[in-house]
């Protein structure tokens, strides 16, 4: 298996198209370390997840191999709060610099220009390498971009999967045209794109299973590959299992056929 790499915005930095999410992560160090060994070396955490200490310990032996991302909480977006939150995240992660620092949620009570001024200050100080946002609409992203004076916004982390295709209307085309990488979270929905639910049968899953059989892959791998088949889109599935980590990483290095993509999109319409 060869992990496919994609550019992060217009930075020239290459990141894996399948990384490692840690929302509600309880797997200990081994799944993360196994994923990193397989090339999924983008590890994403957040102040809100309350697991930065655990993530920091897990990646410590291989820190130089990891592209580390974290996020500032949406209610810590005043200038001084952003700086304090970043310092706290660096301390918990036990690192000197975070590769990607993201605004986790927009907050209409705080002027975005104030928040982004703090984000740029962190980049100027060398505490963060790149600046991103998360859960921003196209309009919110554009407003944040207008506030930047020295550093670009390189990514927007948003919900995206076969079952959640809303970003395709406006946000995804805009990001593709403006060198903003989409980091897709929850790419397997609630897990129902990986395993058939006996409690809530989903007829659409039959088509996903059939495509997976024809492709010689698992449903999860097909669902992840569909997400990353989009230009400028990478994804960060979360699992607590080494076996599932290996399965997710094997979603990279190949591509679904146009026919398979068409059938999936008919089964799971936008």
C-alpha atoms as a PDB file:
ATOM      1  CA  UNK A   1       0.000   0.000   0.000  1.00  0.00           C
ATOM      2  CA  UNK A   2       1.239   3.467  -0.899  1.00  0.00           C
ATOM      3  CA  UNK A   3      -0.354   6.434   0.810  1.00  0.00           C
ATOM      4  CA  UNK A   4      -1.354   9.079  -1.724  1.00  0.00           C
ATOM      5  CA  UNK A   5      -0.190  12.609  -0.878  1.00  0.00           C
ATOM      6  CA  UNK A   6      -1.926  15.872  -1.695  1.00  0.00           C
ATOM      7  CA  UNK A   7      -0.787  19.492  -1.445  1.00  0.00           C
ATOM      8  CA  UNK A   8      -1.890  21.509   1.586  1.00  0.00           C
ATOM      9  CA  UNK A   9      -3.360  24.623   0.026  1.00  0.00           C
ATOM     10  CA  UNK A  10      -0.680  26.456  -1.923  1.00  0.00           C
ATOM     11  CA  UNK A  11       2.011  25.844   0.711  1.00  0.00           C
ATOM     12  CA  UNK A  12       3.951  23.267  -1.293  1.00  0.00           C
ATOM     13  CA  UNK A  13       3.694  20.916   1.697  1.00  0.00           C
ATOM     14  CA  UNK A  14       2.345  17.451   0.911  1.00  0.00           C
ATOM     15  CA  UNK A  15       0.047  15.686   3.377  1.00  0.00           C
ATOM     16  CA  UNK A  16      -1.578  12.229   3.280  1.00  0.00           C
ATOM     17  CA  UNK A  17      -5.050  12.021   1.783  1.00  0.00           C
ATOM     18  CA  UNK A  18      -6.049   9.783   4.718  1.00  0.00           C
ATOM     19  CA  UNK A  19      -5.010  11.062   8.125  1.00  0.00           C
ATOM     20  CA  UNK A  20      -5.951  10.261  11.714  1.00  0.00           C
ATOM     21  CA  UNK A  21      -8.802  11.946  13.558  1.00  0.00           C
ATOM     22  CA  UNK A  22      -9.077  11.826  17.344  1.00  0.00           C
ATOM     23  CA  UNK A  23     -12.567  13.075  18.236  1.00  0.00           C
ATOM     24  CA  UNK A  24     -13.751  10.779  21.086  1.00  0.00           C
ATOM     25  CA  UNK A  25     -10.538   8.786  20.612  1.00  0.00           C
ATOM     26  CA  UNK A  26      -9.909   6.115  23.254  1.00  0.00           C
ATOM     27  CA  UNK A  27      -7.519   3.787  21.454  1.00  0.00           C
ATOM     28  CA  UNK A  28      -4.248   4.526  23.213  1.00  0.00           C
ATOM     29  CA  UNK A  29      -1.011   5.053  21.312  1.00  0.00           C
ATOM     30  CA  UNK A  30      -0.935   1.957  19.093  1.00  0.00           C
ATOM     31  CA  UNK A  31      -3.605   2.793  16.471  1.00  0.00           C
ATOM     32  CA  UNK A  32      -2.076   6.238  15.980  1.00  0.00           C
ATOM     33  CA  UNK A  33       1.451   4.895  15.734  1.00  0.00           C
ATOM     34  CA  UNK A  34       0.351   2.181  13.304  1.00  0.00           C
ATOM     35  CA  UNK A  35      -1.370   4.745  11.112  1.00  0.00           C
ATOM     36  CA  UNK A  36       1.701   6.970  11.118  1.00  0.00           C
ATOM     37  CA  UNK A  37       3.855   3.976  10.131  1.00  0.00           C
ATOM     38  CA  UNK A  38       1.507   3.363   7.190  1.00  0.00           C
ATOM     39  CA  UNK A  39       1.838   6.948   5.997  1.00  0.00           C
ATOM     40  CA  UNK A  40      -1.242   8.484   7.632  1.00  0.00           C
ATOM     41  CA  UNK A  41       0.980  10.957   9.417  1.00  0.00           C
ATOM     42  CA  UNK A  42      -1.493  13.843   9.644  1.00  0.00           C
ATOM     43  CA  UNK A  43      -2.810  13.644  13.213  1.00  0.00           C
ATOM     44  CA  UNK A  44      -5.666  15.975  14.096  1.00  0.00           C
ATOM     45  CA  UNK A  45      -6.780  16.860  17.613  1.00  0.00           C
ATOM     46  CA  UNK A  46      -8.347  19.894  19.325  1.00  0.00           C
ATOM     47  CA  UNK A  47      -8.574  21.817  22.554  1.00  0.00           C
ATOM     48  CA  UNK A  48     -12.209  20.685  22.729  1.00  0.00           C
ATOM     49  CA  UNK A  49     -11.331  16.987  22.508  1.00  0.00           C
ATOM     50  CA  UNK A  50      -9.486  17.073  25.855  1.00  0.00           C
ATOM     51  CA  UNK A  51      -6.971  14.504  24.609  1.00  0.00           C
ATOM     52  CA  UNK A  52      -4.012  16.623  23.527  1.00  0.00           C
ATOM     53  CA  UNK A  53      -1.855  15.166  26.328  1.00  0.00           C
ATOM     54  CA  UNK A  54      -2.613  11.606  25.176  1.00  0.00           C
ATOM     55  CA  UNK A  55      -2.051  12.489  21.512  1.00  0.00           C
ATOM     56  CA  UNK A  56       1.234  14.174  22.399  1.00  0.00           C
ATOM     57  CA  UNK A  57       2.452  11.088  24.231  1.00  0.00           C
ATOM     58  CA  UNK A  58       1.411   8.812  21.371  1.00  0.00           C
ATOM     59  CA  UNK A  59       3.289  10.761  18.719  1.00  0.00           C
ATOM     60  CA  UNK A  60       6.327  11.668  20.844  1.00  0.00           C
ATOM     61  CA  UNK A  61       8.581   8.844  19.559  1.00  0.00           C
ATOM     62  CA  UNK A  62       7.807   9.770  15.926  1.00  0.00           C
ATOM     63  CA  UNK A  63       7.180  13.509  16.216  1.00  0.00           C
ATOM     64  CA  UNK A  64       9.461  14.356  13.290  1.00  0.00           C
ATOM     65  CA  UNK A  65       7.317  12.184  11.017  1.00  0.00           C
ATOM     66  CA  UNK A  66       4.000  13.736  12.053  1.00  0.00           C
ATOM     67  CA  UNK A  67       2.096  16.651  10.575  1.00  0.00           C
ATOM     68  CA  UNK A  68       0.309  17.751  13.760  1.00  0.00           C
ATOM     69  CA  UNK A  69      -2.934  19.692  13.711  1.00  0.00           C
ATOM     70  CA  UNK A  70      -5.021  21.056  16.568  1.00  0.00           C
ATOM     71  CA  UNK A  71      -7.759  23.641  17.062  1.00  0.00           C
ATOM     72  CA  UNK A  72      -8.709  26.529  19.315  1.00  0.00           C
ATOM     73  CA  UNK A  73     -12.151  26.309  20.899  1.00  0.00           C
ATOM     74  CA  UNK A  74     -14.887  28.455  19.395  1.00  0.00           C
ATOM     75  CA  UNK A  75     -15.439  30.361  22.650  1.00  0.00           C
ATOM     76  CA  UNK A  76     -11.738  31.235  23.014  1.00  0.00           C
ATOM     77  CA  UNK A  77     -11.489  33.525  19.998  1.00  0.00           C
ATOM     78  CA  UNK A  78     -10.586  36.875  21.546  1.00  0.00           C
ATOM     79  CA  UNK A  79      -7.020  37.885  20.727  1.00  0.00           C
ATOM     80  CA  UNK A  80      -5.507  37.096  24.126  1.00  0.00           C
ATOM     81  CA  UNK A  81      -7.588  33.925  24.462  1.00  0.00           C
ATOM     82  CA  UNK A  82      -6.255  32.550  21.182  1.00  0.00           C
ATOM     83  CA  UNK A  83      -2.677  33.139  22.274  1.00  0.00           C
ATOM     84  CA  UNK A  84      -3.268  31.494  25.653  1.00  0.00           C
ATOM     85  CA  UNK A  85      -5.077  28.538  24.095  1.00  0.00           C
ATOM     86  CA  UNK A  86      -2.217  27.951  21.657  1.00  0.00           C
ATOM     87  CA  UNK A  87       0.350  28.064  24.429  1.00  0.00           C
ATOM     88  CA  UNK A  88      -1.742  25.610  26.431  1.00  0.00           C
ATOM     89  CA  UNK A  89      -2.064  23.231  23.455  1.00  0.00           C
ATOM     90  CA  UNK A  90       1.680  23.314  22.823  1.00  0.00           C
ATOM     91  CA  UNK A  91       2.311  22.503  26.481  1.00  0.00           C
ATOM     92  CA  UNK A  92      -0.191  19.618  26.511  1.00  0.00           C
ATOM     93  CA  UNK A  93       1.102  18.201  23.235  1.00  0.00           C
ATOM     94  CA  UNK A  94       4.686  18.688  24.500  1.00  0.00           C
ATOM     95  CA  UNK A  95       5.810  20.260  21.216  1.00  0.00           C
ATOM     96  CA  UNK A  96       7.430  23.549  20.247  1.00  0.00           C
ATOM     97  CA  UNK A  97       5.304  24.127  17.160  1.00  0.00           C
ATOM     98  CA  UNK A  98       1.978  22.929  15.740  1.00  0.00           C
ATOM     99  CA  UNK A  99       1.958  22.344  11.997  1.00  0.00           C
ATOM    100  CA  UNK A 100      -1.666  23.415  11.489  1.00  0.00           C
ATOM    101  CA  UNK A 101      -3.629  25.531  13.966  1.00  0.00           C
ATOM    102  CA  UNK A 102      -7.342  25.851  13.241  1.00  0.00           C
ATOM    103  CA  UNK A 103     -10.250  27.951  14.452  1.00  0.00           C
ATOM    104  CA  UNK A 104     -12.630  25.170  15.479  1.00  0.00           C
ATOM    105  CA  UNK A 105     -15.931  27.007  15.035  1.00  0.00           C
ATOM    106  CA  UNK A 106     -16.852  30.515  13.909  1.00  0.00           C
ATOM    107  CA  UNK A 107     -18.162  32.771  16.672  1.00  0.00           C
ATOM    108  CA  UNK A 108     -20.382  35.668  15.642  1.00  0.00           C
ATOM    109  CA  UNK A 109     -19.788  37.373  19.017  1.00  0.00           C
ATOM    110  CA  UNK A 110     -16.095  37.919  18.244  1.00  0.00           C
ATOM    111  CA  UNK A 111     -14.945  39.873  15.175  1.00  0.00           C
ATOM    112  CA  UNK A 112     -13.170  37.418  12.900  1.00  0.00           C
ATOM    113  CA  UNK A 113     -10.473  40.023  12.243  1.00  0.00           C
ATOM    114  CA  UNK A 114      -9.529  39.935  15.934  1.00  0.00           C
ATOM    115  CA  UNK A 115      -9.262  36.149  15.895  1.00  0.00           C
ATOM    116  CA  UNK A 116      -7.246  35.992  12.699  1.00  0.00           C
ATOM    117  CA  UNK A 117      -4.893  38.723  13.939  1.00  0.00           C
ATOM    118  CA  UNK A 118      -4.035  36.410  16.818  1.00  0.00           C
ATOM    119  CA  UNK A 119      -3.632  33.451  14.467  1.00  0.00           C
ATOM    120  CA  UNK A 120      -1.195  35.434  12.338  1.00  0.00           C
ATOM    121  CA  UNK A 121       0.710  36.510  15.453  1.00  0.00           C
ATOM    122  CA  UNK A 122       1.152  32.832  16.370  1.00  0.00           C
ATOM    123  CA  UNK A 123       2.540  32.133  12.904  1.00  0.00           C
ATOM    124  CA  UNK A 124       4.870  35.137  13.176  1.00  0.00           C
ATOM    125  CA  UNK A 125       6.162  33.834  16.511  1.00  0.00           C
ATOM    126  CA  UNK A 126       6.836  30.406  14.991  1.00  0.00           C
ATOM    127  CA  UNK A 127       4.363  28.673  17.284  1.00  0.00           C
ATOM    128  CA  UNK A 128       2.278  27.451  14.340  1.00  0.00           C
ATOM    129  CA  UNK A 129       3.349  26.782  10.772  1.00  0.00           C
ATOM    130  CA  UNK A 130       0.024  27.119   8.972  1.00  0.00           C
ATOM    131  CA  UNK A 131      -3.412  28.540   9.714  1.00  0.00           C
ATOM    132  CA  UNK A 132      -6.726  26.827   9.070  1.00  0.00           C
ATOM    133  CA  UNK A 133     -10.375  27.036  10.006  1.00  0.00           C
ATOM    134  CA  UNK A 134     -13.077  24.470  10.696  1.00  0.00           C
ATOM    135  CA  UNK A 135     -16.837  24.437  10.158  1.00  0.00           C
ATOM    136  CA  UNK A 136     -16.729  27.704   8.186  1.00  0.00           C
ATOM    137  CA  UNK A 137     -19.245  28.357   5.422  1.00  0.00           C
ATOM    138  CA  UNK A 138     -18.077  29.927   2.195  1.00  0.00           C
ATOM    139  CA  UNK A 139     -19.117  33.387   3.399  1.00  0.00           C
ATOM    140  CA  UNK A 140     -17.409  32.900   6.773  1.00  0.00           C
ATOM    141  CA  UNK A 141     -14.264  31.641   5.080  1.00  0.00           C
ATOM    142  CA  UNK A 142     -14.212  34.622   2.731  1.00  0.00           C
ATOM    143  CA  UNK A 143     -14.590  37.018   5.656  1.00  0.00           C
ATOM    144  CA  UNK A 144     -11.709  35.323   7.458  1.00  0.00           C
ATOM    145  CA  UNK A 145      -9.578  35.480   4.318  1.00  0.00           C
ATOM    146  CA  UNK A 146     -10.197  39.199   3.984  1.00  0.00           C
ATOM    147  CA  UNK A 147      -8.886  39.659   7.522  1.00  0.00           C
ATOM    148  CA  UNK A 148      -5.533  38.026   6.734  1.00  0.00           C
ATOM    149  CA  UNK A 149      -2.609  40.343   6.065  1.00  0.00           C
ATOM    150  CA  UNK A 150       0.484  38.115   6.076  1.00  0.00           C
ATOM    151  CA  UNK A 151      -0.518  34.430   6.033  1.00  0.00           C
ATOM    152  CA  UNK A 152      -3.052  32.449   3.982  1.00  0.00           C
ATOM    153  CA  UNK A 153      -5.802  30.213   5.301  1.00  0.00           C
ATOM    154  CA  UNK A 154      -4.718  26.834   3.979  1.00  0.00           C
ATOM    155  CA  UNK A 155      -7.578  24.552   5.045  1.00  0.00           C
ATOM    156  CA  UNK A 156     -11.185  24.263   6.169  1.00  0.00           C
ATOM    157  CA  UNK A 157     -12.144  21.172   8.177  1.00  0.00           C
ATOM    158  CA  UNK A 158     -15.781  20.289   7.573  1.00  0.00           C
ATOM    159  CA  UNK A 159     -18.312  17.457   7.605  1.00  0.00           C
ATOM    160  CA  UNK A 160     -18.193  15.534   4.329  1.00  0.00           C
ATOM    161  CA  UNK A 161     -19.171  12.000   3.343  1.00  0.00           C
ATOM    162  CA  UNK A 162     -21.389  10.118   0.919  1.00  0.00           C
ATOM    163  CA  UNK A 163     -24.217  10.842   3.356  1.00  0.00           C
ATOM    164  CA  UNK A 164     -23.334  14.514   3.906  1.00  0.00           C
ATOM    165  CA  UNK A 165     -22.612  16.242   0.591  1.00  0.00           C
ATOM    166  CA  UNK A 166     -23.854  19.746   1.367  1.00  0.00           C
ATOM    167  CA  UNK A 167     -20.439  21.361   0.826  1.00  0.00           C
ATOM    168  CA  UNK A 168     -20.580  20.458  -2.862  1.00  0.00           C
ATOM    169  CA  UNK A 169     -23.048  23.277  -3.548  1.00  0.00           C
ATOM    170  CA  UNK A 170     -20.828  26.248  -2.707  1.00  0.00           C
ATOM    171  CA  UNK A 171     -17.990  25.581  -0.283  1.00  0.00           C
ATOM    172  CA  UNK A 172     -16.146  22.800  -2.089  1.00  0.00           C
ATOM    173  CA  UNK A 173     -15.939  24.554  -5.490  1.00  0.00           C
ATOM    174  CA  UNK A 174     -14.806  27.768  -3.814  1.00  0.00           C
ATOM    175  CA  UNK A 175     -12.063  26.000  -1.862  1.00  0.00           C
ATOM    176  CA  UNK A 176     -10.903  24.115  -4.945  1.00  0.00           C
ATOM    177  CA  UNK A 177     -10.644  27.368  -6.883  1.00  0.00           C
ATOM    178  CA  UNK A 178      -8.818  29.205  -4.098  1.00  0.00           C
ATOM    179  CA  UNK A 179      -6.240  26.702  -2.840  1.00  0.00           C
ATOM    180  CA  UNK A 180      -7.978  25.894   0.433  1.00  0.00           C
ATOM    181  CA  UNK A 181      -7.719  22.197   1.295  1.00  0.00           C
ATOM    182  CA  UNK A 182     -10.892  20.562   2.568  1.00  0.00           C
ATOM    183  CA  UNK A 183     -10.225  18.264   5.541  1.00  0.00           C
ATOM    184  CA  UNK A 184     -13.269  15.989   5.665  1.00  0.00           C
ATOM    185  CA  UNK A 185     -14.282  14.777   9.106  1.00  0.00           C
ATOM    186  CA  UNK A 186     -16.748  11.984   9.898  1.00  0.00           C
ATOM    187  CA  UNK A 187     -16.215  10.529   6.409  1.00  0.00           C
ATOM    188  CA  UNK A 188     -17.897   7.256   7.398  1.00  0.00           C
ATOM    189  CA  UNK A 189     -20.954   9.101   8.773  1.00  0.00           C
ATOM    190  CA  UNK A 190     -22.016   7.443  12.031  1.00  0.00           C
ATOM    191  CA  UNK A 191     -20.192   4.276  11.016  1.00  0.00           C
ATOM    192  CA  UNK A 192     -23.054   3.304   8.738  1.00  0.00           C
ATOM    193  CA  UNK A 193     -20.795   3.646   5.683  1.00  0.00           C
ATOM    194  CA  UNK A 194     -18.489   1.003   7.130  1.00  0.00           C
ATOM    195  CA  UNK A 195     -20.774  -1.631   8.608  1.00  0.00           C
ATOM    196  CA  UNK A 196     -24.344  -2.607   7.768  1.00  0.00           C
ATOM    197  CA  UNK A 197     -26.732  -1.618  10.525  1.00  0.00           C
ATOM    198  CA  UNK A 198     -29.085  -4.366  11.662  1.00  0.00           C
ATOM    199  CA  UNK A 199     -31.193  -1.941  13.658  1.00  0.00           C
ATOM    200  CA  UNK A 200     -31.658   0.591  10.845  1.00  0.00           C
ATOM    201  CA  UNK A 201     -31.390  -1.219   7.489  1.00  0.00           C
ATOM    202  CA  UNK A 202     -30.287   1.141   4.722  1.00  0.00           C
ATOM    203  CA  UNK A 203     -31.036   0.076   1.144  1.00  0.00           C
ATOM    204  CA  UNK A 204     -28.342   2.431  -0.105  1.00  0.00           C
ATOM    205  CA  UNK A 205     -25.723   0.363   1.691  1.00  0.00           C
ATOM    206  CA  UNK A 206     -26.428  -2.549  -0.664  1.00  0.00           C
ATOM    207  CA  UNK A 207     -25.026  -0.534  -3.558  1.00  0.00           C
ATOM    208  CA  UNK A 208     -22.000   0.467  -1.479  1.00  0.00           C
ATOM    209  CA  UNK A 209     -21.419  -3.200  -0.639  1.00  0.00           C
ATOM    210  CA  UNK A 210     -21.769  -4.200  -4.289  1.00  0.00           C
ATOM    211  CA  UNK A 211     -19.272  -1.568  -5.437  1.00  0.00           C
ATOM    212  CA  UNK A 212     -16.907  -2.708  -2.694  1.00  0.00           C
ATOM    213  CA  UNK A 213     -17.139  -6.314  -3.851  1.00  0.00           C
ATOM    214  CA  UNK A 214     -16.462  -5.334  -7.447  1.00  0.00           C
ATOM    215  CA  UNK A 215     -13.515  -3.160  -6.436  1.00  0.00           C
ATOM    216  CA  UNK A 216     -12.095  -5.804  -4.113  1.00  0.00           C
ATOM    217  CA  UNK A 217     -12.288  -3.400  -1.171  1.00  0.00           C
ATOM    218  CA  UNK A 218     -14.329  -2.960   2.001  1.00  0.00           C
ATOM    219  CA  UNK A 219     -17.316  -0.578   2.175  1.00  0.00           C
ATOM    220  CA  UNK A 220     -15.307   1.722   4.468  1.00  0.00           C
ATOM    221  CA  UNK A 221     -12.439   1.848   2.004  1.00  0.00           C
ATOM    222  CA  UNK A 222     -14.795   2.669  -0.849  1.00  0.00           C
ATOM    223  CA  UNK A 223     -16.517   5.418   1.165  1.00  0.00           C
ATOM    224  CA  UNK A 224     -13.156   6.962   2.112  1.00  0.00           C
ATOM    225  CA  UNK A 225     -11.814   6.681  -1.421  1.00  0.00           C
ATOM    226  CA  UNK A 226     -14.912   8.422  -2.763  1.00  0.00           C
ATOM    227  CA  UNK A 227     -14.218  11.390  -0.447  1.00  0.00           C
ATOM    228  CA  UNK A 228     -10.556  11.642  -1.381  1.00  0.00           C
ATOM    229  CA  UNK A 229     -11.278  11.279  -5.106  1.00  0.00           C
ATOM    230  CA  UNK A 230     -12.254  14.970  -4.967  1.00  0.00           C
ATOM    231  CA  UNK A 231      -9.544  17.442  -5.879  1.00  0.00           C
ATOM    232  CA  UNK A 232      -8.227  19.258  -2.831  1.00  0.00           C
ATOM    233  CA  UNK A 233      -9.941  16.960  -0.308  1.00  0.00           C
ATOM    234  CA  UNK A 234      -8.279  14.850   2.370  1.00  0.00           C
ATOM    235  CA  UNK A 235      -9.947  13.027   5.250  1.00  0.00           C
ATOM    236  CA  UNK A 236      -9.344  12.120   8.893  1.00  0.00           C
ATOM    237  CA  UNK A 237     -11.361   9.052   9.942  1.00  0.00           C
ATOM    238  CA  UNK A 238     -11.214   8.113  13.608  1.00  0.00           C
ATOM    239  CA  UNK A 239     -10.922   4.590  14.977  1.00  0.00           C
ATOM    240  CA  UNK A 240      -9.781   3.087  18.258  1.00  0.00           C
ATOM    241  CA  UNK A 241      -8.634  -0.111  16.532  1.00  0.00           C
ATOM    242  CA  UNK A 242      -5.308  -1.006  14.917  1.00  0.00           C
ATOM    243  CA  UNK A 243      -7.118  -3.272  12.442  1.00  0.00           C
ATOM    244  CA  UNK A 244      -9.515  -0.503  11.429  1.00  0.00           C
ATOM    245  CA  UNK A 245      -6.606   1.909  11.129  1.00  0.00           C
ATOM    246  CA  UNK A 246      -4.952  -0.471   8.685  1.00  0.00           C
ATOM    247  CA  UNK A 247      -8.225  -0.811   6.788  1.00  0.00           C
ATOM    248  CA  UNK A 248      -8.660   2.957   6.569  1.00  0.00           C
ATOM    249  CA  UNK A 249      -5.103   3.522   5.386  1.00  0.00           C
ATOM    250  CA  UNK A 250      -5.657   0.972   2.616  1.00  0.00           C
ATOM    251  CA  UNK A 251      -8.350   3.280   1.234  1.00  0.00           C
ATOM    252  CA  UNK A 252      -5.499   5.221  -0.382  1.00  0.00           C
ATOM    253  CA  UNK A 253      -3.211   4.399  -3.297  1.00  0.00           C
ATOM    254  CA  UNK A 254      -5.958   3.510  -5.775  1.00  0.00           C
ATOM    255  CA  UNK A 255      -9.062   5.109  -7.313  1.00  0.00           C
ATOM    256  CA  UNK A 256     -12.653   4.088  -7.872  1.00  0.00           C
ATOM    257  CA  UNK A 257     -13.701   3.836 -11.498  1.00  0.00           C
ATOM    258  CA  UNK A 258     -15.929   6.611 -12.907  1.00  0.00           C
ATOM    259  CA  UNK A 259     -18.723   4.047 -13.145  1.00  0.00           C
ATOM    260  CA  UNK A 260     -18.417   3.148  -9.479  1.00  0.00           C
ATOM    261  CA  UNK A 261     -18.402   6.821  -8.535  1.00  0.00           C
ATOM    262  CA  UNK A 262     -21.553   7.389 -10.595  1.00  0.00           C
ATOM    263  CA  UNK A 263     -23.376   4.507  -8.926  1.00  0.00           C
ATOM    264  CA  UNK A 264     -22.401   5.638  -5.446  1.00  0.00           C
ATOM    265  CA  UNK A 265     -23.590   9.176  -6.107  1.00  0.00           C
ATOM    266  CA  UNK A 266     -26.892   7.894  -7.449  1.00  0.00           C
ATOM    267  CA  UNK A 267     -27.336   5.782  -4.317  1.00  0.00           C
ATOM    268  CA  UNK A 268     -26.356   8.670  -2.025  1.00  0.00           C
ATOM    269  CA  UNK A 269     -27.550  11.800  -3.837  1.00  0.00           C
ATOM    270  CA  UNK A 270     -26.438  15.258  -2.723  1.00  0.00           C
END
